[in-house]
Amino acid sequence: MTGFAAPLRRRFLRAAAVAAGVTLALPAGAVSIFPFFPKHYTFSQQQVQTAVQRKFPYQHTVSQVFEIALTNPVVGFLADSNRVSVQLDVRLASPFMPQPVTGVFTVSSQLAYDPASRSVVLKTPQVENVSLSGQAQAYTQQISAAVTLLSAQLLDNYPVYTFKPEQLQFAGVNYEPGTITVLTNGIRVEIVEK
């Protein structure tokens, strides 16, 4: 009897939800809390890459002395430290330098949920390393300071995923993201009742 009742109950609940106008389709990466609502969402590296890429290329003047251009962001996941990394190409020009300096730097960031915007955002980015070409290594300290300031302004509280209202509400119950876990191939956001 139990084997027959469970499928019958699921069919009844689905039919009731359809009659009430509730959509049962779950987005990719969503795992369902019985019977219709996901208990977590997982965002792929490509989704986060696409979100971060919208911010670049970026050009900025620092202290009216340095022209900094940031390009080619590459997102990575640091599962061991539960952080996201962003590697960027940097080009720095100044009237005080004989030629522009180029290099690569990496920023890592925690993730947090911002309820006001319903977004998972980068939080407190830190410059992990700066690698400059050729003779530009003499300017590493100055460039690191400028890049640290710029990355904090540019990436702190930057959204990597924004939830739609219907993703956080079902049958009159409000939900919100809970624990955010960085995996080796994605970001998993737990969904909990508010």
C-alpha atoms as a PDB file:
ATOM      1  CA  MET A   1       0.000   0.000   0.000  1.00  0.00           C
ATOM      2  CA  THR A   2       2.835   2.408   0.864  1.00  0.00           C
ATOM      3  CA  GLY A   3       4.535   1.832  -2.508  1.00  0.00           C
ATOM      4  CA  PHE A   4       1.320   2.839  -4.275  1.00  0.00           C
ATOM      5  CA  ALA A   5       0.471   5.832  -2.008  1.00  0.00           C
ATOM      6  CA  ALA A   6       3.728   7.751  -2.480  1.00  0.00           C
ATOM      7  CA  PRO A   7       3.507   8.067  -6.309  1.00  0.00           C
ATOM      8  CA  LEU A   8      -0.204   8.869  -6.032  1.00  0.00           C
ATOM      9  CA  ARG A   9       0.532  11.620  -3.473  1.00  0.00           C
ATOM     10  CA  ARG A  10       3.248  13.119  -5.720  1.00  0.00           C
ATOM     11  CA  ARG A  11       0.903  13.144  -8.725  1.00  0.00           C
ATOM     12  CA  PHE A  12      -1.791  14.795  -6.615  1.00  0.00           C
ATOM     13  CA  LEU A  13       0.595  17.494  -5.328  1.00  0.00           C
ATOM     14  CA  ARG A  14       1.870  18.203  -8.846  1.00  0.00           C
ATOM     15  CA  ALA A  15      -1.674  18.469 -10.176  1.00  0.00           C
ATOM     16  CA  ALA A  16      -2.610  20.800  -7.291  1.00  0.00           C
ATOM     17  CA  ALA A  17       0.429  22.984  -7.961  1.00  0.00           C
ATOM     18  CA  VAL A  18      -0.348  23.188 -11.685  1.00  0.00           C
ATOM     19  CA  ALA A  19      -3.958  24.085 -10.909  1.00  0.00           C
ATOM     20  CA  ALA A  20      -2.714  26.842  -8.601  1.00  0.00           C
ATOM     21  CA  GLY A  21      -0.482  28.180 -11.392  1.00  0.00           C
ATOM     22  CA  VAL A  22       2.831  27.195  -9.758  1.00  0.00           C
ATOM     23  CA  THR A  23       5.695  26.367 -12.088  1.00  0.00           C
ATOM     24  CA  LEU A  24       7.392  23.091 -11.235  1.00  0.00           C
ATOM     25  CA  ALA A  25      10.462  23.449 -13.427  1.00  0.00           C
ATOM     26  CA  LEU A  26      13.723  23.774 -11.519  1.00  0.00           C
ATOM     27  CA  PRO A  27      16.701  25.607 -12.977  1.00  0.00           C
ATOM     28  CA  ALA A  28      19.849  23.701 -13.845  1.00  0.00           C
ATOM     29  CA  GLY A  29      21.890  22.994 -10.745  1.00  0.00           C
ATOM     30  CA  ALA A  30      18.878  23.079  -8.409  1.00  0.00           C
ATOM     31  CA  VAL A  31      18.100  20.189  -6.094  1.00  0.00           C
ATOM     32  CA  SER A  32      14.530  19.897  -4.862  1.00  0.00           C
ATOM     33  CA  ILE A  33      13.219  20.112  -1.294  1.00  0.00           C
ATOM     34  CA  PHE A  34      10.212  17.798  -1.374  1.00  0.00           C
ATOM     35  CA  PRO A  35       8.270  18.228  -3.423  1.00  0.00           C
ATOM     36  CA  PHE A  36       8.872  21.402  -5.451  1.00  0.00           C
ATOM     37  CA  PHE A  37      11.437  23.808  -4.039  1.00  0.00           C
ATOM     38  CA  PRO A  38      15.249  23.510  -4.404  1.00  0.00           C
ATOM     39  CA  LYS A  39      17.300  23.127  -1.230  1.00  0.00           C
ATOM     40  CA  HIS A  40      20.352  24.567  -2.957  1.00  0.00           C
ATOM     41  CA  TYR A  41      21.506  26.143  -6.213  1.00  0.00           C
ATOM     42  CA  THR A  42      24.877  25.474  -7.797  1.00  0.00           C
ATOM     43  CA  PHE A  43      26.453  28.049 -10.100  1.00  0.00           C
ATOM     44  CA  SER A  44      29.070  26.917 -12.588  1.00  0.00           C
ATOM     45  CA  GLN A  45      32.434  28.516 -13.205  1.00  0.00           C
ATOM     46  CA  GLN A  46      31.108  29.734 -16.572  1.00  0.00           C
ATOM     47  CA  GLN A  47      28.180  31.544 -14.902  1.00  0.00           C
ATOM     48  CA  VAL A  48      30.528  33.316 -12.476  1.00  0.00           C
ATOM     49  CA  GLN A  49      33.012  34.026 -15.305  1.00  0.00           C
ATOM     50  CA  THR A  50      30.227  35.645 -17.362  1.00  0.00           C
ATOM     51  CA  ALA A  51      29.153  37.818 -14.404  1.00  0.00           C
ATOM     52  CA  VAL A  52      32.700  38.994 -13.630  1.00  0.00           C
ATOM     53  CA  GLN A  53      33.536  39.566 -17.300  1.00  0.00           C
ATOM     54  CA  ARG A  54      30.822  42.239 -17.545  1.00  0.00           C
ATOM     55  CA  LYS A  55      33.015  44.507 -15.404  1.00  0.00           C
ATOM     56  CA  PHE A  56      35.975  44.438 -17.805  1.00  0.00           C
ATOM     57  CA  PRO A  57      37.901  45.878 -19.575  1.00  0.00           C
ATOM     58  CA  TYR A  58      38.262  48.604 -16.969  1.00  0.00           C
ATOM     59  CA  GLN A  59      40.394  51.741 -17.044  1.00  0.00           C
ATOM     60  CA  HIS A  60      41.036  54.058 -14.131  1.00  0.00           C
ATOM     61  CA  THR A  61      43.350  56.900 -13.168  1.00  0.00           C
ATOM     62  CA  VAL A  62      44.892  56.606  -9.707  1.00  0.00           C
ATOM     63  CA  SER A  63      45.952  59.823  -7.952  1.00  0.00           C
ATOM     64  CA  GLN A  64      46.188  61.552 -11.345  1.00  0.00           C
ATOM     65  CA  VAL A  65      49.521  59.786 -11.779  1.00  0.00           C
ATOM     66  CA  PHE A  66      48.840  56.228 -12.923  1.00  0.00           C
ATOM     67  CA  GLU A  67      46.584  55.043 -15.761  1.00  0.00           C
ATOM     68  CA  ILE A  68      45.595  51.465 -14.983  1.00  0.00           C
ATOM     69  CA  ALA A  69      43.857  49.163 -17.451  1.00  0.00           C
ATOM     70  CA  LEU A  70      42.506  45.799 -16.269  1.00  0.00           C
ATOM     71  CA  THR A  71      41.528  43.158 -18.826  1.00  0.00           C
ATOM     72  CA  ASN A  72      40.989  39.437 -19.412  1.00  0.00           C
ATOM     73  CA  PRO A  73      39.514  38.240 -16.098  1.00  0.00           C
ATOM     74  CA  VAL A  74      39.803  34.511 -15.410  1.00  0.00           C
ATOM     75  CA  VAL A  75      37.705  33.151 -12.538  1.00  0.00           C
ATOM     76  CA  GLY A  76      38.943  30.256 -10.426  1.00  0.00           C
ATOM     77  CA  PHE A  77      37.595  28.415  -7.387  1.00  0.00           C
ATOM     78  CA  LEU A  78      39.682  27.925  -4.246  1.00  0.00           C
ATOM     79  CA  ALA A  79      37.665  25.195  -2.544  1.00  0.00           C
ATOM     80  CA  ASP A  80      40.259  24.674   0.230  1.00  0.00           C
ATOM     81  CA  SER A  81      39.840  28.246   1.478  1.00  0.00           C
ATOM     82  CA  ASN A  82      36.197  28.713   0.354  1.00  0.00           C
ATOM     83  CA  ARG A  83      37.175  31.666  -1.845  1.00  0.00           C
ATOM     84  CA  VAL A  84      36.890  32.724  -5.473  1.00  0.00           C
ATOM     85  CA  SER A  85      39.926  34.003  -7.378  1.00  0.00           C
ATOM     86  CA  VAL A  86      40.051  36.421 -10.286  1.00  0.00           C
ATOM     87  CA  GLN A  87      43.228  36.722 -12.340  1.00  0.00           C
ATOM     88  CA  LEU A  88      43.568  39.920 -14.380  1.00  0.00           C
ATOM     89  CA  ASP A  89      45.997  41.372 -16.879  1.00  0.00           C
ATOM     90  CA  VAL A  90      47.175  44.814 -15.801  1.00  0.00           C
ATOM     91  CA  ARG A  91      48.724  47.614 -17.843  1.00  0.00           C
ATOM     92  CA  LEU A  92      50.020  50.665 -16.030  1.00  0.00           C
ATOM     93  CA  ALA A  93      51.225  53.882 -17.642  1.00  0.00           C
ATOM     94  CA  SER A  94      52.589  57.013 -15.998  1.00  0.00           C
ATOM     95  CA  PRO A  95      54.485  60.093 -17.113  1.00  0.00           C
ATOM     96  CA  PHE A  96      57.099  59.120 -14.498  1.00  0.00           C
ATOM     97  CA  MET A  97      57.894  55.797 -16.197  1.00  0.00           C
ATOM     98  CA  PRO A  98      59.763  55.489 -19.505  1.00  0.00           C
ATOM     99  CA  GLN A  99      57.266  52.959 -20.887  1.00  0.00           C
ATOM    100  CA  PRO A 100      54.023  51.254 -19.788  1.00  0.00           C
ATOM    101  CA  VAL A 101      54.266  48.313 -17.417  1.00  0.00           C
ATOM    102  CA  THR A 102      52.353  45.095 -17.993  1.00  0.00           C
ATOM    103  CA  GLY A 103      51.734  42.109 -15.799  1.00  0.00           C
ATOM    104  CA  VAL A 104      49.219  39.805 -14.164  1.00  0.00           C
ATOM    105  CA  PHE A 105      47.724  39.883 -10.696  1.00  0.00           C
ATOM    106  CA  THR A 106      45.355  37.639  -8.789  1.00  0.00           C
ATOM    107  CA  VAL A 107      42.667  38.682  -6.336  1.00  0.00           C
ATOM    108  CA  SER A 108      40.833  36.268  -4.061  1.00  0.00           C
ATOM    109  CA  SER A 109      37.529  37.000  -2.376  1.00  0.00           C
ATOM    110  CA  GLN A 110      35.056  35.563   0.080  1.00  0.00           C
ATOM    111  CA  LEU A 111      31.419  35.288  -0.947  1.00  0.00           C
ATOM    112  CA  ALA A 112      28.427  36.644   0.967  1.00  0.00           C
ATOM    113  CA  TYR A 113      24.705  37.097   0.439  1.00  0.00           C
ATOM    114  CA  ASP A 114      23.368  40.655   0.127  1.00  0.00           C
ATOM    115  CA  PRO A 115      19.633  40.564   1.014  1.00  0.00           C
ATOM    116  CA  ALA A 116      18.927  44.066  -0.348  1.00  0.00           C
ATOM    117  CA  SER A 117      19.902  43.078  -3.893  1.00  0.00           C
ATOM    118  CA  ARG A 118      19.183  39.307  -3.512  1.00  0.00           C
ATOM    119  CA  SER A 119      22.727  38.712  -4.782  1.00  0.00           C
ATOM    120  CA  VAL A 120      25.718  36.556  -3.968  1.00  0.00           C
ATOM    121  CA  VAL A 121      28.545  39.091  -3.909  1.00  0.00           C
ATOM    122  CA  LEU A 122      32.329  39.175  -3.719  1.00  0.00           C
ATOM    123  CA  LYS A 123      33.381  40.322  -0.250  1.00  0.00           C
ATOM    124  CA  THR A 124      36.692  41.811   0.953  1.00  0.00           C
ATOM    125  CA  PRO A 125      38.872  41.003  -2.064  1.00  0.00           C
ATOM    126  CA  GLN A 126      42.594  40.644  -1.381  1.00  0.00           C
ATOM    127  CA  VAL A 127      45.468  40.842  -3.842  1.00  0.00           C
ATOM    128  CA  GLU A 128      47.263  37.493  -3.657  1.00  0.00           C
ATOM    129  CA  ASN A 129      50.129  38.138  -6.051  1.00  0.00           C
ATOM    130  CA  VAL A 130      51.417  40.559  -8.666  1.00  0.00           C
ATOM    131  CA  SER A 131      53.722  39.454 -11.487  1.00  0.00           C
ATOM    132  CA  LEU A 132      55.253  42.158 -13.679  1.00  0.00           C
ATOM    133  CA  SER A 133      57.219  41.916 -16.892  1.00  0.00           C
ATOM    134  CA  GLY A 134      60.926  42.671 -17.262  1.00  0.00           C
ATOM    135  CA  GLN A 135      62.292  45.828 -15.636  1.00  0.00           C
ATOM    136  CA  ALA A 136      58.836  46.670 -14.298  1.00  0.00           C
ATOM    137  CA  GLN A 137      59.553  44.540 -11.231  1.00  0.00           C
ATOM    138  CA  ALA A 138      61.165  47.619  -9.706  1.00  0.00           C
ATOM    139  CA  TYR A 139      57.642  49.093  -9.485  1.00  0.00           C
ATOM    140  CA  THR A 140      56.022  46.036  -7.835  1.00  0.00           C
ATOM    141  CA  GLN A 141      55.388  47.766  -4.488  1.00  0.00           C
ATOM    142  CA  GLN A 142      53.734  50.850  -6.020  1.00  0.00           C
ATOM    143  CA  ILE A 143      51.675  48.787  -8.466  1.00  0.00           C
ATOM    144  CA  SER A 144      50.595  46.384  -5.712  1.00  0.00           C
ATOM    145  CA  ALA A 145      49.349  49.311  -3.638  1.00  0.00           C
ATOM    146  CA  ALA A 146      47.436  50.794  -6.589  1.00  0.00           C
ATOM    147  CA  VAL A 147      45.979  47.419  -7.599  1.00  0.00           C
ATOM    148  CA  THR A 148      44.921  46.665  -3.996  1.00  0.00           C
ATOM    149  CA  LEU A 149      43.054  49.955  -3.761  1.00  0.00           C
ATOM    150  CA  LEU A 150      41.480  49.549  -7.181  1.00  0.00           C
ATOM    151  CA  SER A 151      40.402  45.934  -6.700  1.00  0.00           C
ATOM    152  CA  ALA A 152      38.739  46.821  -3.379  1.00  0.00           C
ATOM    153  CA  GLN A 153      36.788  49.624  -5.076  1.00  0.00           C
ATOM    154  CA  LEU A 154      35.992  47.582  -8.159  1.00  0.00           C
ATOM    155  CA  LEU A 155      35.169  44.123  -6.818  1.00  0.00           C
ATOM    156  CA  ASP A 156      33.991  44.516  -3.210  1.00  0.00           C
ATOM    157  CA  ASN A 157      30.232  43.792  -3.096  1.00  0.00           C
ATOM    158  CA  TYR A 158      30.205  42.991  -6.815  1.00  0.00           C
ATOM    159  CA  PRO A 159      27.367  40.522  -7.597  1.00  0.00           C
ATOM    160  CA  VAL A 160      28.284  37.192  -9.184  1.00  0.00           C
ATOM    161  CA  TYR A 161      24.684  35.906  -9.125  1.00  0.00           C
ATOM    162  CA  THR A 162      21.336  37.620  -8.488  1.00  0.00           C
ATOM    163  CA  PHE A 163      18.317  35.565  -7.493  1.00  0.00           C
ATOM    164  CA  LYS A 164      14.961  36.236  -9.118  1.00  0.00           C
ATOM    165  CA  PRO A 165      12.145  36.813  -6.587  1.00  0.00           C
ATOM    166  CA  GLU A 166      10.409  33.580  -7.631  1.00  0.00           C
ATOM    167  CA  GLN A 167      13.559  31.604  -6.809  1.00  0.00           C
ATOM    168  CA  LEU A 168      13.225  32.612  -3.158  1.00  0.00           C
ATOM    169  CA  GLN A 169       9.479  32.197  -2.673  1.00  0.00           C
ATOM    170  CA  PHE A 170       7.107  29.263  -2.903  1.00  0.00           C
ATOM    171  CA  ALA A 171       3.484  28.875  -1.799  1.00  0.00           C
ATOM    172  CA  GLY A 172       3.629  32.045   0.298  1.00  0.00           C
ATOM    173  CA  VAL A 173       6.821  30.985   2.106  1.00  0.00           C
ATOM    174  CA  ASN A 174       9.943  33.139   1.779  1.00  0.00           C
ATOM    175  CA  TYR A 175      13.381  31.571   1.515  1.00  0.00           C
ATOM    176  CA  GLU A 176      16.908  32.982   1.533  1.00  0.00           C
ATOM    177  CA  PRO A 177      20.422  31.778   0.803  1.00  0.00           C
ATOM    178  CA  GLY A 178      22.225  30.176   3.727  1.00  0.00           C
ATOM    179  CA  THR A 179      25.689  28.632   3.634  1.00  0.00           C
ATOM    180  CA  ILE A 180      27.746  29.447   0.534  1.00  0.00           C
ATOM    181  CA  THR A 181      30.313  26.787  -0.359  1.00  0.00           C
ATOM    182  CA  VAL A 182      32.981  27.128  -3.038  1.00  0.00           C
ATOM    183  CA  LEU A 183      33.495  23.785  -4.764  1.00  0.00           C
ATOM    184  CA  THR A 184      36.220  22.839  -7.244  1.00  0.00           C
ATOM    185  CA  ASN A 185      33.776  23.240 -10.150  1.00  0.00           C
ATOM    186  CA  GLY A 186      31.098  25.624  -8.874  1.00  0.00           C
ATOM    187  CA  ILE A 187      29.512  27.522  -6.007  1.00  0.00           C
ATOM    188  CA  ARG A 188      26.750  25.874  -3.993  1.00  0.00           C
ATOM    189  CA  VAL A 189      24.291  28.138  -2.178  1.00  0.00           C
ATOM    190  CA  GLU A 190      22.037  26.512   0.405  1.00  0.00           C
ATOM    191  CA  ILE A 191      18.404  27.716   0.402  1.00  0.00           C
ATOM    192  CA  VAL A 192      16.715  27.951   3.814  1.00  0.00           C
ATOM    193  CA  GLU A 193      13.338  29.152   5.048  1.00  0.00           C
ATOM    194  CA  LYS A 194      13.383  32.775   6.206  1.00  0.00           C
END
